[in-house]
Amino acid sequence: MDNELIRVLYVEDDPLDVVVLDENLQNSSDFEHKYCITHAKDLFTGLALLQEEAFDVVLLDMNLPEGAGEKNI
């Protein structure tokens, strides 16, 4: 997986959290991989993106307007 692009789907209703994640990845000396973050502002948009594209990892906010907790998974 050396130097492969890691595709991340981040389902998060707070845009500031997306900026914080991106900045943390950019500033981390432990994280050497290239990455692409796709932001979905709600659960329904995230589900639609999952049907259209392939992602390596999904980061899911557990408290979204559409629901909270394990039912989001």
PDB file of N, CA and C in Angstrom:
ATOM      1  N   MET A   1       0.809  -1.192   0.000  1.00  0.00           N
ATOM      2  CA  MET A   1       0.000   0.000   0.000  1.00  0.00           C
ATOM      3  C   MET A   1       0.860   1.266   0.000  1.00  0.00           C
ATOM      4  N   ASP A   2       2.127   1.123  -0.272  1.00  0.00           N
ATOM      5  CA  ASP A   2       3.018   2.272  -0.285  1.00  0.00           C
ATOM      6  C   ASP A   2       2.613   3.259  -1.369  1.00  0.00           C
ATOM      7  N   ASN A   3       2.435   4.511  -0.948  1.00  0.00           N
ATOM      8  CA  ASN A   3       2.122   5.627  -1.833  1.00  0.00           C
ATOM      9  C   ASN A   3       0.830   5.459  -2.622  1.00  0.00           C
ATOM     10  N   GLU A   4      -0.012   4.531  -2.236  1.00  0.00           N
ATOM     11  CA  GLU A   4      -1.321   4.419  -2.872  1.00  0.00           C
ATOM     12  C   GLU A   4      -2.231   5.523  -2.340  1.00  0.00           C
ATOM     13  N   LEU A   5      -3.143   5.933  -3.182  1.00  0.00           N
ATOM     14  CA  LEU A   5      -4.129   6.928  -2.779  1.00  0.00           C
ATOM     15  C   LEU A   5      -5.182   6.263  -1.913  1.00  0.00           C
ATOM     16  N   ILE A   6      -5.408   6.804  -0.738  1.00  0.00           N
ATOM     17  CA  ILE A   6      -6.444   6.305   0.159  1.00  0.00           C
ATOM     18  C   ILE A   6      -7.666   7.191  -0.007  1.00  0.00           C
ATOM     19  N   ARG A   7      -8.750   6.579  -0.438  1.00  0.00           N
ATOM     20  CA  ARG A   7      -9.999   7.327  -0.662  1.00  0.00           C
ATOM     21  C   ARG A   7     -10.860   7.250   0.595  1.00  0.00           C
ATOM     22  N   VAL A   8     -11.146   8.415   1.169  1.00  0.00           N
ATOM     23  CA  VAL A   8     -11.882   8.516   2.427  1.00  0.00           C
ATOM     24  C   VAL A   8     -13.229   9.179   2.174  1.00  0.00           C
ATOM     25  N   LEU A   9     -14.287   8.538   2.634  1.00  0.00           N
ATOM     26  CA  LEU A   9     -15.606   9.174   2.648  1.00  0.00           C
ATOM     27  C   LEU A   9     -15.856   9.608   4.086  1.00  0.00           C
ATOM     28  N   TYR A  10     -16.046  10.893   4.280  1.00  0.00           N
ATOM     29  CA  TYR A  10     -16.283  11.447   5.613  1.00  0.00           C
ATOM     30  C   TYR A  10     -17.703  11.972   5.661  1.00  0.00           C
ATOM     31  N   VAL A  11     -18.564  11.273   6.384  1.00  0.00           N
ATOM     32  CA  VAL A  11     -19.959  11.668   6.549  1.00  0.00           C
ATOM     33  C   VAL A  11     -20.037  12.484   7.835  1.00  0.00           C
ATOM     34  N   GLU A  12     -20.194  13.782   7.674  1.00  0.00           N
ATOM     35  CA  GLU A  12     -20.087  14.714   8.800  1.00  0.00           C
ATOM     36  C   GLU A  12     -20.913  15.954   8.498  1.00  0.00           C
ATOM     37  N   ASP A  13     -21.780  16.338   9.431  1.00  0.00           N
ATOM     38  CA  ASP A  13     -22.630  17.502   9.203  1.00  0.00           C
ATOM     39  C   ASP A  13     -21.972  18.824   9.602  1.00  0.00           C
ATOM     40  N   ASP A  14     -20.822  18.784  10.240  1.00  0.00           N
ATOM     41  CA  ASP A  14     -20.107  19.999  10.632  1.00  0.00           C
ATOM     42  C   ASP A  14     -18.896  20.191   9.712  1.00  0.00           C
ATOM     43  N   PRO A  15     -18.944  21.166   8.799  1.00  0.00           N
ATOM     44  CA  PRO A  15     -17.848  21.354   7.853  1.00  0.00           C
ATOM     45  C   PRO A  15     -16.508  21.668   8.523  1.00  0.00           C
ATOM     46  N   LEU A  16     -16.532  22.254   9.716  1.00  0.00           N
ATOM     47  CA  LEU A  16     -15.296  22.550  10.421  1.00  0.00           C
ATOM     48  C   LEU A  16     -14.554  21.259  10.788  1.00  0.00           C
ATOM     49  N   ASP A  17     -15.290  20.204  11.129  1.00  0.00           N
ATOM     50  CA  ASP A  17     -14.658  18.925  11.449  1.00  0.00           C
ATOM     51  C   ASP A  17     -13.925  18.348  10.241  1.00  0.00           C
ATOM     52  N   VAL A  18     -14.441  18.598   9.049  1.00  0.00           N
ATOM     53  CA  VAL A  18     -13.784  18.130   7.828  1.00  0.00           C
ATOM     54  C   VAL A  18     -12.456  18.868   7.650  1.00  0.00           C
ATOM     55  N   VAL A  19     -12.449  20.153   7.889  1.00  0.00           N
ATOM     56  CA  VAL A  19     -11.225  20.952   7.795  1.00  0.00           C
ATOM     57  C   VAL A  19     -10.201  20.467   8.826  1.00  0.00           C
ATOM     58  N   VAL A  20     -10.660  20.200  10.044  1.00  0.00           N
ATOM     59  CA  VAL A  20      -9.754  19.737  11.102  1.00  0.00           C
ATOM     60  C   VAL A  20      -9.125  18.396  10.729  1.00  0.00           C
ATOM     61  N   LEU A  21      -9.918  17.464  10.203  1.00  0.00           N
ATOM     62  CA  LEU A  21      -9.373  16.165   9.785  1.00  0.00           C
ATOM     63  C   LEU A  21      -8.315  16.356   8.704  1.00  0.00           C
ATOM     64  N   ASP A  22      -8.621  17.152   7.704  1.00  0.00           N
ATOM     65  CA  ASP A  22      -7.682  17.383   6.605  1.00  0.00           C
ATOM     66  C   ASP A  22      -6.386  18.007   7.120  1.00  0.00           C
ATOM     67  N   GLU A  23      -6.490  19.001   7.981  1.00  0.00           N
ATOM     68  CA  GLU A  23      -5.294  19.647   8.526  1.00  0.00           C
ATOM     69  C   GLU A  23      -4.474  18.666   9.366  1.00  0.00           C
ATOM     70  N   ASN A  24      -5.145  17.834  10.151  1.00  0.00           N
ATOM     71  CA  ASN A  24      -4.424  16.858  10.971  1.00  0.00           C
ATOM     72  C   ASN A  24      -3.685  15.844  10.109  1.00  0.00           C
ATOM     73  N   LEU A  25      -4.300  15.405   9.030  1.00  0.00           N
ATOM     74  CA  LEU A  25      -3.631  14.471   8.133  1.00  0.00           C
ATOM     75  C   LEU A  25      -2.436  15.133   7.442  1.00  0.00           C
ATOM     76  N   GLN A  26      -2.598  16.374   7.033  1.00  0.00           N
ATOM     77  CA  GLN A  26      -1.508  17.092   6.367  1.00  0.00           C
ATOM     78  C   GLN A  26      -0.327  17.322   7.295  1.00  0.00           C
ATOM     79  N   ASN A  27      -0.612  17.555   8.568  1.00  0.00           N
ATOM     80  CA  ASN A  27       0.442  17.895   9.529  1.00  0.00           C
ATOM     81  C   ASN A  27       1.009  16.690  10.260  1.00  0.00           C
ATOM     82  N   SER A  28       0.501  15.509  10.007  1.00  0.00           N
ATOM     83  CA  SER A  28       0.963  14.318  10.704  1.00  0.00           C
ATOM     84  C   SER A  28       2.222  13.757  10.038  1.00  0.00           C
ATOM     85  N   SER A  29       3.272  13.661  10.813  1.00  0.00           N
ATOM     86  CA  SER A  29       4.499  13.064  10.276  1.00  0.00           C
ATOM     87  C   SER A  29       4.387  11.544  10.215  1.00  0.00           C
ATOM     88  N   ASP A  30       3.412  10.970  10.916  1.00  0.00           N
ATOM     89  CA  ASP A  30       3.218   9.519  10.905  1.00  0.00           C
ATOM     90  C   ASP A  30       2.407   9.048   9.709  1.00  0.00           C
ATOM     91  N   PHE A  31       1.764   9.961   9.022  1.00  0.00           N
ATOM     92  CA  PHE A  31       0.881   9.596   7.917  1.00  0.00           C
ATOM     93  C   PHE A  31       1.544   9.988   6.606  1.00  0.00           C
ATOM     94  N   GLU A  32       2.072   9.008   5.891  1.00  0.00           N
ATOM     95  CA  GLU A  32       2.841   9.285   4.683  1.00  0.00           C
ATOM     96  C   GLU A  32       2.064   9.017   3.400  1.00  0.00           C
ATOM     97  N   HIS A  33       0.869   8.489   3.499  1.00  0.00           N
ATOM     98  CA  HIS A  33       0.100   8.137   2.312  1.00  0.00           C
ATOM     99  C   HIS A  33      -0.607   9.354   1.733  1.00  0.00           C
ATOM    100  N   LYS A  34      -0.852   9.284   0.449  1.00  0.00           N
ATOM    101  CA  LYS A  34      -1.682  10.290  -0.197  1.00  0.00           C
ATOM    102  C   LYS A  34      -3.137   9.919   0.064  1.00  0.00           C
ATOM    103  N   TYR A  35      -3.977  10.908   0.183  1.00  0.00           N
ATOM    104  CA  TYR A  35      -5.376  10.644   0.479  1.00  0.00           C
ATOM    105  C   TYR A  35      -6.268  11.641  -0.245  1.00  0.00           C
ATOM    106  N   CYS A  36      -7.500  11.248  -0.406  1.00  0.00           N
ATOM    107  CA  CYS A  36      -8.521  12.109  -0.994  1.00  0.00           C
ATOM    108  C   CYS A  36      -9.757  11.991  -0.109  1.00  0.00           C
ATOM    109  N   ILE A  37     -10.174  13.108   0.476  1.00  0.00           N
ATOM    110  CA  ILE A  37     -11.355  13.113   1.333  1.00  0.00           C
ATOM    111  C   ILE A  37     -12.546  13.602   0.529  1.00  0.00           C
ATOM    112  N   THR A  38     -13.592  12.780   0.502  1.00  0.00           N
ATOM    113  CA  THR A  38     -14.865  13.190  -0.075  1.00  0.00           C
ATOM    114  C   THR A  38     -15.813  13.431   1.090  1.00  0.00           C
ATOM    115  N   HIS A  39     -16.395  14.605   1.134  1.00  0.00           N
ATOM    116  CA  HIS A  39     -17.262  14.985   2.247  1.00  0.00           C
ATOM    117  C   HIS A  39     -18.724  14.819   1.865  1.00  0.00           C
ATOM    118  N   ALA A  40     -19.461  14.109   2.712  1.00  0.00           N
ATOM    119  CA  ALA A  40     -20.914  14.023   2.584  1.00  0.00           C
ATOM    120  C   ALA A  40     -21.513  14.722   3.798  1.00  0.00           C
ATOM    121  N   LYS A  41     -22.380  15.701   3.563  1.00  0.00           N
ATOM    122  CA  LYS A  41     -22.903  16.502   4.672  1.00  0.00           C
ATOM    123  C   LYS A  41     -24.019  15.825   5.447  1.00  0.00           C
ATOM    124  N   ASP A  42     -24.541  14.717   4.919  1.00  0.00           N
ATOM    125  CA  ASP A  42     -25.590  13.992   5.640  1.00  0.00           C
ATOM    126  C   ASP A  42     -25.545  12.516   5.271  1.00  0.00           C
ATOM    127  N   LEU A  43     -26.293  11.717   6.004  1.00  0.00           N
ATOM    128  CA  LEU A  43     -26.275  10.271   5.831  1.00  0.00           C
ATOM    129  C   LEU A  43     -26.754   9.855   4.443  1.00  0.00           C
ATOM    130  N   PHE A  44     -27.790  10.498   3.949  1.00  0.00           N
ATOM    131  CA  PHE A  44     -28.343  10.126   2.646  1.00  0.00           C
ATOM    132  C   PHE A  44     -27.369  10.411   1.504  1.00  0.00           C
ATOM    133  N   THR A  45     -26.656  11.524   1.586  1.00  0.00           N
ATOM    134  CA  THR A  45     -25.643  11.829   0.587  1.00  0.00           C
ATOM    135  C   THR A  45     -24.508  10.813   0.655  1.00  0.00           C
ATOM    136  N   GLY A  46     -24.113  10.437   1.862  1.00  0.00           N
ATOM    137  CA  GLY A  46     -23.074   9.426   2.035  1.00  0.00           C
ATOM    138  C   GLY A  46     -23.462   8.094   1.434  1.00  0.00           C
ATOM    139  N   LEU A  47     -24.692   7.676   1.652  1.00  0.00           N
ATOM    140  CA  LEU A  47     -25.172   6.411   1.086  1.00  0.00           C
ATOM    141  C   LEU A  47     -25.193   6.463  -0.435  1.00  0.00           C
ATOM    142  N   ALA A  48     -25.595   7.599  -0.989  1.00  0.00           N
ATOM    143  CA  ALA A  48     -25.618   7.747  -2.446  1.00  0.00           C
ATOM    144  C   ALA A  48     -24.196   7.680  -3.015  1.00  0.00           C
ATOM    145  N   LEU A  49     -23.255   8.319  -2.342  1.00  0.00           N
ATOM    146  CA  LEU A  49     -21.865   8.275  -2.806  1.00  0.00           C
ATOM    147  C   LEU A  49     -21.302   6.863  -2.745  1.00  0.00           C
ATOM    148  N   LEU A  50     -21.669   6.102  -1.723  1.00  0.00           N
ATOM    149  CA  LEU A  50     -21.197   4.722  -1.610  1.00  0.00           C
ATOM    150  C   LEU A  50     -21.703   3.849  -2.751  1.00  0.00           C
ATOM    151  N   GLN A  51     -22.866   4.163  -3.303  1.00  0.00           N
ATOM    152  CA  GLN A  51     -23.404   3.402  -4.423  1.00  0.00           C
ATOM    153  C   GLN A  51     -22.721   3.773  -5.740  1.00  0.00           C
ATOM    154  N   GLU A  52     -22.145   4.982  -5.795  1.00  0.00           N
ATOM    155  CA  GLU A  52     -21.540   5.477  -7.027  1.00  0.00           C
ATOM    156  C   GLU A  52     -20.028   5.267  -7.093  1.00  0.00           C
ATOM    157  N   GLU A  53     -19.361   5.270  -5.946  1.00  0.00           N
ATOM    158  CA  GLU A  53     -17.900   5.263  -5.921  1.00  0.00           C
ATOM    159  C   GLU A  53     -17.380   4.237  -4.923  1.00  0.00           C
ATOM    160  N   ALA A  54     -16.119   3.873  -5.086  1.00  0.00           N
ATOM    161  CA  ALA A  54     -15.457   2.971  -4.144  1.00  0.00           C
ATOM    162  C   ALA A  54     -14.590   3.791  -3.196  1.00  0.00           C
ATOM    163  N   PHE A  55     -14.645   3.463  -1.913  1.00  0.00           N
ATOM    164  CA  PHE A  55     -13.841   4.134  -0.895  1.00  0.00           C
ATOM    165  C   PHE A  55     -13.072   3.086  -0.111  1.00  0.00           C
ATOM    166  N   ASP A  56     -11.914   3.487   0.401  1.00  0.00           N
ATOM    167  CA  ASP A  56     -11.106   2.590   1.226  1.00  0.00           C
ATOM    168  C   ASP A  56     -11.562   2.615   2.680  1.00  0.00           C
ATOM    169  N   VAL A  57     -12.077   3.752   3.107  1.00  0.00           N
ATOM    170  CA  VAL A  57     -12.512   3.902   4.497  1.00  0.00           C
ATOM    171  C   VAL A  57     -13.662   4.906   4.551  1.00  0.00           C
ATOM    172  N   VAL A  58     -14.573   4.662   5.492  1.00  0.00           N
ATOM    173  CA  VAL A  58     -15.676   5.588   5.747  1.00  0.00           C
ATOM    174  C   VAL A  58     -15.570   6.051   7.192  1.00  0.00           C
ATOM    175  N   LEU A  59     -15.538   7.358   7.376  1.00  0.00           N
ATOM    176  CA  LEU A  59     -15.601   7.945   8.706  1.00  0.00           C
ATOM    177  C   LEU A  59     -17.010   8.493   8.869  1.00  0.00           C
ATOM    178  N   LEU A  60     -17.704   8.015   9.884  1.00  0.00           N
ATOM    179  CA  LEU A  60     -19.129   8.332  10.039  1.00  0.00           C
ATOM    180  C   LEU A  60     -19.384   9.026  11.360  1.00  0.00           C
ATOM    181  N   ASP A  61     -19.921  10.229  11.286  1.00  0.00           N
ATOM    182  CA  ASP A  61     -20.384  10.941  12.471  1.00  0.00           C
ATOM    183  C   ASP A  61     -21.564  10.159  13.037  1.00  0.00           C
ATOM    184  N   MET A  62     -21.522   9.848  14.300  1.00  0.00           N
ATOM    185  CA  MET A  62     -22.584   9.034  14.902  1.00  0.00           C
ATOM    186  C   MET A  62     -23.768   9.867  15.368  1.00  0.00           C
ATOM    187  N   ASN A  63     -23.687  11.184  15.223  1.00  0.00           N
ATOM    188  CA  ASN A  63     -24.799  12.061  15.602  1.00  0.00           C
ATOM    189  C   ASN A  63     -25.122  12.987  14.437  1.00  0.00           C
ATOM    190  N   LEU A  64     -25.922  12.470  13.515  1.00  0.00           N
ATOM    191  CA  LEU A  64     -26.333  13.230  12.337  1.00  0.00           C
ATOM    192  C   LEU A  64     -27.802  13.621  12.473  1.00  0.00           C
ATOM    193  N   PRO A  65     -28.236  14.620  11.737  1.00  0.00           N
ATOM    194  CA  PRO A  65     -29.655  15.018  11.807  1.00  0.00           C
ATOM    195  C   PRO A  65     -30.616  13.871  11.472  1.00  0.00           C
ATOM    196  N   GLU A  66     -30.199  12.919  10.618  1.00  0.00           N
ATOM    197  CA  GLU A  66     -31.073  11.825  10.211  1.00  0.00           C
ATOM    198  C   GLU A  66     -31.179  10.726  11.273  1.00  0.00           C
ATOM    199  N   GLY A  67     -30.285  10.733  12.233  1.00  0.00           N
ATOM    200  CA  GLY A  67     -30.295   9.709  13.262  1.00  0.00           C
ATOM    201  C   GLY A  67     -29.016   9.729  14.058  1.00  0.00           C
ATOM    202  N   ALA A  68     -29.001   8.920  15.103  1.00  0.00           N
ATOM    203  CA  ALA A  68     -27.828   8.888  15.971  1.00  0.00           C
ATOM    204  C   ALA A  68     -27.528   7.464  16.383  1.00  0.00           C
ATOM    205  N   GLY A  69     -26.281   7.243  16.737  1.00  0.00           N
ATOM    206  CA  GLY A  69     -25.874   5.966  17.292  1.00  0.00           C
ATOM    207  C   GLY A  69     -25.726   4.864  16.261  1.00  0.00           C
ATOM    208  N   GLU A  70     -25.899   3.634  16.735  1.00  0.00           N
ATOM    209  CA  GLU A  70     -25.649   2.454  15.917  1.00  0.00           C
ATOM    210  C   GLU A  70     -26.575   2.338  14.709  1.00  0.00           C
ATOM    211  N   LYS A  71     -27.747   2.932  14.756  1.00  0.00           N
ATOM    212  CA  LYS A  71     -28.652   2.790  13.605  1.00  0.00           C
ATOM    213  C   LYS A  71     -28.105   3.486  12.354  1.00  0.00           C
ATOM    214  N   ASN A  72     -27.186   4.442  12.535  1.00  0.00           N
ATOM    215  CA  ASN A  72     -26.545   5.070  11.375  1.00  0.00           C
ATOM    216  C   ASN A  72     -25.674   4.072  10.621  1.00  0.00           C
ATOM    217  N   ILE A  73     -25.114   3.133  11.348  1.00  0.00           N
ATOM    218  CA  ILE A  73     -24.245   2.141  10.705  1.00  0.00           C
ATOM    219  C   ILE A  73     -25.091   1.207   9.871  1.00  0.00           C
TER     220      ILE A  73
END
